[in-house]
Amino acid sequence: IERAGRSKVNALLHDRQGLSELNTYT
């Protein structure tokens, strides 16, 4: 994601945004 230039690390958003932080489910 970082290499593809799609990271949200420097975005203004402060809630869970990184892939590892997202709540995903089957």
PDB file of all heavy atoms in Angstrom:
ATOM      1  N   ILE A   1       0.838  -1.208   0.000  1.00  0.00           N
ATOM      2  CA  ILE A   1       0.000   0.000   0.000  1.00  0.00           C
ATOM      3  C   ILE A   1       0.870   1.253   0.000  1.00  0.00           C
ATOM      4  O   ILE A   1       0.618   2.208  -0.738  1.00  0.00           O
ATOM      5  CB  ILE A   1      -0.952  -0.013   1.212  1.00  0.00           C
ATOM      6  CG1 ILE A   1      -2.019  -1.093   1.024  1.00  0.00           C
ATOM      7  CG2 ILE A   1      -1.608   1.350   1.414  1.00  0.00           C
ATOM      8  CD1 ILE A   1      -2.820  -1.387   2.273  1.00  0.00           C
ATOM      9  N   GLU A   2       1.918   1.238   0.806  1.00  0.00           N
ATOM     10  CA  GLU A   2       2.835   2.387   0.863  1.00  0.00           C
ATOM     11  C   GLU A   2       3.538   2.576  -0.473  1.00  0.00           C
ATOM     12  O   GLU A   2       3.634   3.706  -0.986  1.00  0.00           O
ATOM     13  CB  GLU A   2       3.853   2.155   1.984  1.00  0.00           C
ATOM     14  CG  GLU A   2       4.861   3.277   2.168  1.00  0.00           C
ATOM     15  CD  GLU A   2       4.244   4.541   2.736  1.00  0.00           C
ATOM     16  OE1 GLU A   2       3.282   4.427   3.515  1.00  0.00           O
ATOM     17  OE2 GLU A   2       4.726   5.639   2.388  1.00  0.00           O
ATOM     18  N   ARG A   3       4.017   1.487  -1.052  1.00  0.00           N
ATOM     19  CA  ARG A   3       4.724   1.565  -2.337  1.00  0.00           C
ATOM     20  C   ARG A   3       3.795   2.027  -3.456  1.00  0.00           C
ATOM     21  O   ARG A   3       4.237   2.690  -4.401  1.00  0.00           O
ATOM     22  CB  ARG A   3       5.302   0.200  -2.698  1.00  0.00           C
ATOM     23  CG  ARG A   3       6.388  -0.296  -1.752  1.00  0.00           C
ATOM     24  CD  ARG A   3       7.713   0.377  -1.986  1.00  0.00           C
ATOM     25  NE  ARG A   3       8.302   0.003  -3.274  1.00  0.00           N
ATOM     26  CZ  ARG A   3       9.462   0.449  -3.721  1.00  0.00           C
ATOM     27  NH1 ARG A   3      10.145   1.324  -2.994  1.00  0.00           N
ATOM     28  NH2 ARG A   3       9.931   0.058  -4.886  1.00  0.00           N
ATOM     29  N   ALA A   4       2.519   1.694  -3.340  1.00  0.00           N
ATOM     30  CA  ALA A   4       1.547   2.099  -4.359  1.00  0.00           C
ATOM     31  C   ALA A   4       1.096   3.546  -4.178  1.00  0.00           C
ATOM     32  O   ALA A   4       0.330   4.055  -5.003  1.00  0.00           O
ATOM     33  CB  ALA A   4       0.335   1.171  -4.320  1.00  0.00           C
ATOM     34  N   GLY A   5       1.562   4.214  -3.123  1.00  0.00           N
ATOM     35  CA  GLY A   5       1.193   5.603  -2.878  1.00  0.00           C
ATOM     36  C   GLY A   5      -0.224   5.777  -2.370  1.00  0.00           C
ATOM     37  O   GLY A   5      -0.829   6.840  -2.543  1.00  0.00           O
ATOM     38  N   ARG A   6      -0.749   4.757  -1.708  1.00  0.00           N
ATOM     39  CA  ARG A   6      -2.143   4.811  -1.278  1.00  0.00           C
ATOM     40  C   ARG A   6      -2.302   4.810   0.234  1.00  0.00           C
ATOM     41  O   ARG A   6      -3.405   4.656   0.760  1.00  0.00           O
ATOM     42  CB  ARG A   6      -2.924   3.650  -1.890  1.00  0.00           C
ATOM     43  CG  ARG A   6      -2.858   3.675  -3.403  1.00  0.00           C
ATOM     44  CD  ARG A   6      -3.756   2.670  -4.074  1.00  0.00           C
ATOM     45  NE  ARG A   6      -3.581   2.722  -5.527  1.00  0.00           N
ATOM     46  CZ  ARG A   6      -4.323   2.070  -6.395  1.00  0.00           C
ATOM     47  NH1 ARG A   6      -5.299   1.297  -5.962  1.00  0.00           N
ATOM     48  NH2 ARG A   6      -4.106   2.183  -7.698  1.00  0.00           N
ATOM     49  N   SER A   7      -1.218   4.996   0.954  1.00  0.00           N
ATOM     50  CA  SER A   7      -1.287   5.028   2.404  1.00  0.00           C
ATOM     51  C   SER A   7      -2.029   6.274   2.880  1.00  0.00           C
ATOM     52  O   SER A   7      -1.930   7.341   2.277  1.00  0.00           O
ATOM     53  CB  SER A   7       0.122   5.002   2.996  1.00  0.00           C
ATOM     54  OG  SER A   7       0.078   5.164   4.405  1.00  0.00           O
ATOM     55  N   LYS A   8      -2.756   6.131   3.989  1.00  0.00           N
ATOM     56  CA  LYS A   8      -3.471   7.263   4.584  1.00  0.00           C
ATOM     57  C   LYS A   8      -2.794   7.748   5.864  1.00  0.00           C
ATOM     58  O   LYS A   8      -3.392   8.489   6.651  1.00  0.00           O
ATOM     59  CB  LYS A   8      -4.914   6.848   4.884  1.00  0.00           C
ATOM     60  CG  LYS A   8      -5.674   6.404   3.637  1.00  0.00           C
ATOM     61  CD  LYS A   8      -7.092   5.988   3.960  1.00  0.00           C
ATOM     62  CE  LYS A   8      -7.795   5.463   2.715  1.00  0.00           C
ATOM     63  NZ  LYS A   8      -9.186   5.057   2.976  1.00  0.00           N
ATOM     64  N   VAL A   9      -1.524   7.362   6.039  1.00  0.00           N
ATOM     65  CA  VAL A   9      -0.804   7.681   7.267  1.00  0.00           C
ATOM     66  C   VAL A   9      -0.752   9.174   7.511  1.00  0.00           C
ATOM     67  O   VAL A   9      -0.900   9.647   8.641  1.00  0.00           O
ATOM     68  CB  VAL A   9       0.627   7.100   7.219  1.00  0.00           C
ATOM     69  CG1 VAL A   9       1.466   7.619   8.383  1.00  0.00           C
ATOM     70  CG2 VAL A   9       0.581   5.577   7.237  1.00  0.00           C
ATOM     71  N   ASN A  10      -0.551   9.967   6.478  1.00  0.00           N
ATOM     72  CA  ASN A  10      -0.419  11.416   6.648  1.00  0.00           C
ATOM     73  C   ASN A  10      -1.721  12.168   6.404  1.00  0.00           C
ATOM     74  O   ASN A  10      -1.726  13.399   6.306  1.00  0.00           O
ATOM     75  CB  ASN A  10       0.663  11.945   5.694  1.00  0.00           C
ATOM     76  CG  ASN A  10       2.039  11.401   6.031  1.00  0.00           C
ATOM     77  OD1 ASN A  10       2.407  11.320   7.195  1.00  0.00           O
ATOM     78  ND2 ASN A  10       2.790  11.004   5.015  1.00  0.00           N
ATOM     79  N   ALA A  11      -2.833  11.445   6.322  1.00  0.00           N
ATOM     80  CA  ALA A  11      -4.128  12.094   6.126  1.00  0.00           C
ATOM     81  C   ALA A  11      -4.585  12.740   7.425  1.00  0.00           C
ATOM     82  O   ALA A  11      -4.066  12.459   8.517  1.00  0.00           O
ATOM     83  CB  ALA A  11      -5.151  11.081   5.653  1.00  0.00           C
ATOM     84  N   LEU A  12      -5.579  13.607   7.329  1.00  0.00           N
ATOM     85  CA  LEU A  12      -6.127  14.269   8.517  1.00  0.00           C
ATOM     86  C   LEU A  12      -6.982  13.327   9.354  1.00  0.00           C
ATOM     87  O   LEU A  12      -7.275  13.623  10.512  1.00  0.00           O
ATOM     88  CB  LEU A  12      -6.975  15.474   8.098  1.00  0.00           C
ATOM     89  CG  LEU A  12      -6.231  16.637   7.435  1.00  0.00           C
ATOM     90  CD1 LEU A  12      -7.221  17.723   7.019  1.00  0.00           C
ATOM     91  CD2 LEU A  12      -5.196  17.217   8.379  1.00  0.00           C
ATOM     92  N   LEU A  13      -7.382  12.220   8.784  1.00  0.00           N
ATOM     93  CA  LEU A  13      -8.267  11.287   9.481  1.00  0.00           C
ATOM     94  C   LEU A  13      -7.560  10.685  10.696  1.00  0.00           C
ATOM     95  O   LEU A  13      -6.419  10.230  10.603  1.00  0.00           O
ATOM     96  CB  LEU A  13      -8.704  10.176   8.530  1.00  0.00           C
ATOM     97  CG  LEU A  13      -9.482  10.654   7.296  1.00  0.00           C
ATOM     98  CD1 LEU A  13      -9.495   9.580   6.236  1.00  0.00           C
ATOM     99  CD2 LEU A  13     -10.891  11.066   7.686  1.00  0.00           C
ATOM    100  N   HIS A  14      -8.277  10.653  11.825  1.00  0.00           N
ATOM    101  CA  HIS A  14      -7.686  10.145  13.057  1.00  0.00           C
ATOM    102  C   HIS A  14      -8.336   8.848  13.537  1.00  0.00           C
ATOM    103  O   HIS A  14      -7.918   8.286  14.541  1.00  0.00           O
ATOM    104  CB  HIS A  14      -7.789  11.204  14.170  1.00  0.00           C
ATOM    105  CG  HIS A  14      -7.016  12.448  13.879  1.00  0.00           C
ATOM    106  ND1 HIS A  14      -5.650  12.463  13.703  1.00  0.00           N
ATOM    107  CD2 HIS A  14      -7.423  13.733  13.701  1.00  0.00           C
ATOM    108  CE1 HIS A  14      -5.234  13.691  13.449  1.00  0.00           C
ATOM    109  NE2 HIS A  14      -6.290  14.488  13.440  1.00  0.00           N
ATOM    110  N   ASP A  15      -9.377   8.387  12.847  1.00  0.00           N
ATOM    111  CA  ASP A  15      -9.940   7.098  13.228  1.00  0.00           C
ATOM    112  C   ASP A  15      -9.146   5.992  12.540  1.00  0.00           C
ATOM    113  O   ASP A  15      -8.159   6.248  11.861  1.00  0.00           O
ATOM    114  CB  ASP A  15     -11.430   7.021  12.877  1.00  0.00           C
ATOM    115  CG  ASP A  15     -11.727   7.468  11.450  1.00  0.00           C
ATOM    116  OD1 ASP A  15     -10.771   7.792  10.741  1.00  0.00           O
ATOM    117  OD2 ASP A  15     -12.908   7.496  11.070  1.00  0.00           O
ATOM    118  N   ARG A  16      -9.548   4.778  12.712  1.00  0.00           N
ATOM    119  CA  ARG A  16      -8.778   3.636  12.206  1.00  0.00           C
ATOM    120  C   ARG A  16      -8.848   3.614  10.690  1.00  0.00           C
ATOM    121  O   ARG A  16      -9.905   3.412  10.115  1.00  0.00           O
ATOM    122  CB  ARG A  16      -9.350   2.350  12.803  1.00  0.00           C
ATOM    123  CG  ARG A  16      -9.284   2.307  14.319  1.00  0.00           C
ATOM    124  CD  ARG A  16     -10.230   1.275  14.896  1.00  0.00           C
ATOM    125  NE  ARG A  16      -9.828  -0.076  14.569  1.00  0.00           N
ATOM    126  CZ  ARG A  16      -9.105  -0.855  15.374  1.00  0.00           C
ATOM    127  NH1 ARG A  16      -8.698  -0.403  16.542  1.00  0.00           N
ATOM    128  NH2 ARG A  16      -8.798  -2.079  15.021  1.00  0.00           N
ATOM    129  N   GLN A  17      -7.711   3.811  10.035  1.00  0.00           N
ATOM    130  CA  GLN A  17      -7.668   3.907   8.577  1.00  0.00           C
ATOM    131  C   GLN A  17      -6.714   2.913   7.933  1.00  0.00           C
ATOM    132  O   GLN A  17      -6.932   2.495   6.810  1.00  0.00           O
ATOM    133  CB  GLN A  17      -7.268   5.334   8.163  1.00  0.00           C
ATOM    134  CG  GLN A  17      -8.307   6.387   8.499  1.00  0.00           C
ATOM    135  CD  GLN A  17      -9.539   6.292   7.637  1.00  0.00           C
ATOM    136  OE1 GLN A  17      -9.479   5.872   6.491  1.00  0.00           O
ATOM    137  NE2 GLN A  17     -10.680   6.696   8.170  1.00  0.00           N
ATOM    138  N   GLY A  18      -5.624   2.573   8.625  1.00  0.00           N
ATOM    139  CA  GLY A  18      -4.673   1.625   8.068  1.00  0.00           C
ATOM    140  C   GLY A  18      -5.305   0.248   7.899  1.00  0.00           C
ATOM    141  O   GLY A  18      -6.198  -0.136   8.664  1.00  0.00           O
ATOM    142  N   LEU A  19      -4.854  -0.498   6.908  1.00  0.00           N
ATOM    143  CA  LEU A  19      -5.421  -1.812   6.637  1.00  0.00           C
ATOM    144  C   LEU A  19      -5.390  -2.706   7.874  1.00  0.00           C
ATOM    145  O   LEU A  19      -6.338  -3.435   8.153  1.00  0.00           O
ATOM    146  CB  LEU A  19      -4.681  -2.483   5.476  1.00  0.00           C
ATOM    147  CG  LEU A  19      -5.235  -3.827   5.017  1.00  0.00           C
ATOM    148  CD1 LEU A  19      -6.611  -3.650   4.384  1.00  0.00           C
ATOM    149  CD2 LEU A  19      -4.287  -4.507   4.038  1.00  0.00           C
ATOM    150  N   SER A  20      -4.302  -2.642   8.617  1.00  0.00           N
ATOM    151  CA  SER A  20      -4.166  -3.486   9.797  1.00  0.00           C
ATOM    152  C   SER A  20      -5.109  -3.074  10.912  1.00  0.00           C
ATOM    153  O   SER A  20      -5.381  -3.855  11.824  1.00  0.00           O
ATOM    154  CB  SER A  20      -2.721  -3.443  10.317  1.00  0.00           C
ATOM    155  OG  SER A  20      -1.828  -3.904   9.328  1.00  0.00           O
ATOM    156  N   GLU A  21      -5.600  -1.838  10.866  1.00  0.00           N
ATOM    157  CA  GLU A  21      -6.488  -1.336  11.916  1.00  0.00           C
ATOM    158  C   GLU A  21      -7.962  -1.547  11.590  1.00  0.00           C
ATOM    159  O   GLU A  21      -8.807  -1.523  12.484  1.00  0.00           O
ATOM    160  CB  GLU A  21      -6.255   0.158  12.116  1.00  0.00           C
ATOM    161  CG  GLU A  21      -4.860   0.535  12.560  1.00  0.00           C
ATOM    162  CD  GLU A  21      -4.683   2.048  12.609  1.00  0.00           C
ATOM    163  OE1 GLU A  21      -5.030   2.731  11.631  1.00  0.00           O
ATOM    164  OE2 GLU A  21      -4.199   2.538  13.649  1.00  0.00           O
ATOM    165  N   LEU A  22      -8.282  -1.730  10.327  1.00  0.00           N
ATOM    166  CA  LEU A  22      -9.679  -1.816   9.933  1.00  0.00           C
ATOM    167  C   LEU A  22     -10.357  -3.053  10.520  1.00  0.00           C
ATOM    168  O   LEU A  22      -9.756  -4.125  10.601  1.00  0.00           O
ATOM    169  CB  LEU A  22      -9.790  -1.862   8.407  1.00  0.00           C
ATOM    170  CG  LEU A  22      -9.366  -0.620   7.636  1.00  0.00           C
ATOM    171  CD1 LEU A  22      -9.427  -0.880   6.137  1.00  0.00           C
ATOM    172  CD2 LEU A  22     -10.222   0.584   8.002  1.00  0.00           C
ATOM    173  N   ASN A  23     -11.597  -2.882  10.923  1.00  0.00           N
ATOM    174  CA  ASN A  23     -12.402  -4.011  11.375  1.00  0.00           C
ATOM    175  C   ASN A  23     -13.045  -4.659  10.152  1.00  0.00           C
ATOM    176  O   ASN A  23     -13.978  -4.108   9.568  1.00  0.00           O
ATOM    177  CB  ASN A  23     -13.500  -3.528  12.328  1.00  0.00           C
ATOM    178  CG  ASN A  23     -12.949  -2.815  13.536  1.00  0.00           C
ATOM    179  OD1 ASN A  23     -12.058  -3.331  14.208  1.00  0.00           O
ATOM    180  ND2 ASN A  23     -13.454  -1.620  13.812  1.00  0.00           N
ATOM    181  N   THR A  24     -12.515  -5.790   9.742  1.00  0.00           N
ATOM    182  CA  THR A  24     -13.081  -6.527   8.615  1.00  0.00           C
ATOM    183  C   THR A  24     -13.531  -7.901   9.094  1.00  0.00           C
ATOM    184  O   THR A  24     -12.994  -8.438  10.064  1.00  0.00           O
ATOM    185  CB  THR A  24     -12.067  -6.687   7.471  1.00  0.00           C
ATOM    186  OG1 THR A  24     -10.919  -7.384   7.961  1.00  0.00           O
ATOM    187  CG2 THR A  24     -11.623  -5.320   6.941  1.00  0.00           C
ATOM    188  N   TYR A  25     -14.526  -8.443   8.418  1.00  0.00           N
ATOM    189  CA  TYR A  25     -15.124  -9.708   8.837  1.00  0.00           C
ATOM    190  C   TYR A  25     -15.399 -10.585   7.630  1.00  0.00           C
ATOM    191  O   TYR A  25     -15.662 -10.086   6.532  1.00  0.00           O
ATOM    192  CB  TYR A  25     -16.463  -9.466   9.556  1.00  0.00           C
ATOM    193  CG  TYR A  25     -16.360  -8.704  10.853  1.00  0.00           C
ATOM    194  CD1 TYR A  25     -16.386  -7.313  10.869  1.00  0.00           C
ATOM    195  CD2 TYR A  25     -16.262  -9.375  12.070  1.00  0.00           C
ATOM    196  CE1 TYR A  25     -16.313  -6.599  12.060  1.00  0.00           C
ATOM    197  CE2 TYR A  25     -16.193  -8.677  13.272  1.00  0.00           C
ATOM    198  CZ  TYR A  25     -16.215  -7.293  13.258  1.00  0.00           C
ATOM    199  OH  TYR A  25     -16.138  -6.597  14.437  1.00  0.00           O
ATOM    200  N   THR A  26     -15.384 -11.894   7.833  1.00  0.00           N
ATOM    201  CA  THR A  26     -16.038 -12.782   6.887  1.00  0.00           C
ATOM    202  C   THR A  26     -17.538 -12.683   7.166  1.00  0.00           C
ATOM    203  O   THR A  26     -17.964 -12.201   8.226  1.00  0.00           O
ATOM    204  CB  THR A  26     -15.582 -14.234   7.054  1.00  0.00           C
ATOM    205  OG1 THR A  26     -16.024 -14.727   8.340  1.00  0.00           O
ATOM    206  CG2 THR A  26     -14.054 -14.342   6.972  1.00  0.00           C
TER     207      THR A  26
END
